[in-house]
C-alpha atoms as a PDB file:
ATOM      1  CA  UNK A   1     -52.157 -12.261  44.888  1.00  0.00           C
ATOM      2  CA  UNK A   2     -49.421  -9.495  45.642  1.00  0.00           C
ATOM      3  CA  UNK A   3     -47.347 -11.647  48.025  1.00  0.00           C
ATOM      4  CA  UNK A   4     -46.342 -14.098  45.016  1.00  0.00           C
ATOM      5  CA  UNK A   5     -45.889 -11.356  42.416  1.00  0.00           C
ATOM      6  CA  UNK A   6     -43.192  -9.578  45.656  1.00  0.00           C
ATOM      7  CA  UNK A   7     -41.779 -13.412  46.248  1.00  0.00           C
ATOM      8  CA  UNK A   8     -41.271 -13.247  42.519  1.00  0.00           C
ATOM      9  CA  UNK A   9     -39.860  -9.612  42.064  1.00  0.00           C
ATOM     10  CA  UNK A  10     -37.478 -10.397  45.072  1.00  0.00           C
ATOM     11  CA  UNK A  11     -36.379 -13.721  43.439  1.00  0.00           C
ATOM     12  CA  UNK A  12     -35.447 -12.404  39.958  1.00  0.00           C
ATOM     13  CA  UNK A  13     -33.493  -9.224  41.726  1.00  0.00           C
ATOM     14  CA  UNK A  14     -31.426 -12.051  44.056  1.00  0.00           C
ATOM     15  CA  UNK A  15     -30.891 -13.911  40.515  1.00  0.00           C
ATOM     16  CA  UNK A  16     -29.802 -10.644  38.525  1.00  0.00           C
ATOM     17  CA  UNK A  17     -27.856 -10.001  41.066  1.00  0.00           C
ATOM     18  CA  UNK A  18     -25.701 -12.979  41.628  1.00  0.00           C
ATOM     19  CA  UNK A  19     -25.704 -13.112  37.519  1.00  0.00           C
ATOM     20  CA  UNK A  20     -24.441  -9.619  37.374  1.00  0.00           C
ATOM     21  CA  UNK A  21     -27.067  -8.743  35.309  1.00  0.00           C
ATOM     22  CA  UNK A  22     -28.803  -5.492  35.277  1.00  0.00           C
ATOM     23  CA  UNK A  23     -32.640  -6.138  35.370  1.00  0.00           C
ATOM     24  CA  UNK A  24     -33.674  -2.442  33.726  1.00  0.00           C
ATOM     25  CA  UNK A  25     -30.716  -2.701  30.944  1.00  0.00           C
ATOM     26  CA  UNK A  26     -31.814  -6.139  30.112  1.00  0.00           C
ATOM     27  CA  UNK A  27     -35.894  -5.195  30.007  1.00  0.00           C
ATOM     28  CA  UNK A  28     -34.810  -2.146  27.648  1.00  0.00           C
ATOM     29  CA  UNK A  29     -32.732  -4.521  25.128  1.00  0.00           C
ATOM     30  CA  UNK A  30     -35.828  -7.441  25.327  1.00  0.00           C
ATOM     31  CA  UNK A  31     -37.980  -4.299  24.295  1.00  0.00           C
ATOM     32  CA  UNK A  32     -35.929  -3.065  21.239  1.00  0.00           C
ATOM     33  CA  UNK A  33     -35.549  -6.635  20.352  1.00  0.00           C
ATOM     34  CA  UNK A  34     -38.872  -7.232  20.475  1.00  0.00           C
ATOM     35  CA  UNK A  35     -39.868  -3.877  18.513  1.00  0.00           C
ATOM     36  CA  UNK A  36     -37.691  -5.230  15.827  1.00  0.00           C
ATOM     37  CA  UNK A  37     -39.156  -8.745  15.686  1.00  0.00           C
ATOM     38  CA  UNK A  38     -42.791  -7.868  15.983  1.00  0.00           C
ATOM     39  CA  UNK A  39     -42.955  -4.305  14.522  1.00  0.00           C
ATOM     40  CA  UNK A  40     -46.124  -2.639  15.713  1.00  0.00           C
ATOM     41  CA  UNK A  41     -47.621  -2.310  11.664  1.00  0.00           C
ATOM     42  CA  UNK A  42     -47.503  -6.049  11.275  1.00  0.00           C
ATOM     43  CA  UNK A  43     -48.441  -7.044  15.191  1.00  0.00           C
ATOM     44  CA  UNK A  44     -50.665  -4.590  15.864  1.00  0.00           C
ATOM     45  CA  UNK A  45     -54.489  -6.452  16.287  1.00  0.00           C
ATOM     46  CA  UNK A  46     -53.010  -9.891  15.232  1.00  0.00           C
ATOM     47  CA  UNK A  47     -52.893 -12.514  17.243  1.00  0.00           C
ATOM     48  CA  UNK A  48     -51.098 -15.199  14.514  1.00  0.00           C
ATOM     49  CA  UNK A  49     -47.677 -16.220  15.128  1.00  0.00           C
ATOM     50  CA  UNK A  50     -44.792 -14.307  13.646  1.00  0.00           C
ATOM     51  CA  UNK A  51     -43.594 -16.843  11.556  1.00  0.00           C
ATOM     52  CA  UNK A  52     -47.687 -17.559  10.288  1.00  0.00           C
ATOM     53  CA  UNK A  53     -47.483 -14.244   8.446  1.00  0.00           C
END
């Protein structure tokens, strides 16, 4: 299993390099977007889709 995870990670890093994307910056931006889209007060312990609330 860890070998497959390593394969995916290495492929992702190669893709980021080719597309000139910083994977750390992209992850931070996604976390910030999700924090706004899914506030903890509304999302924690709730499995319904955000559009169904």
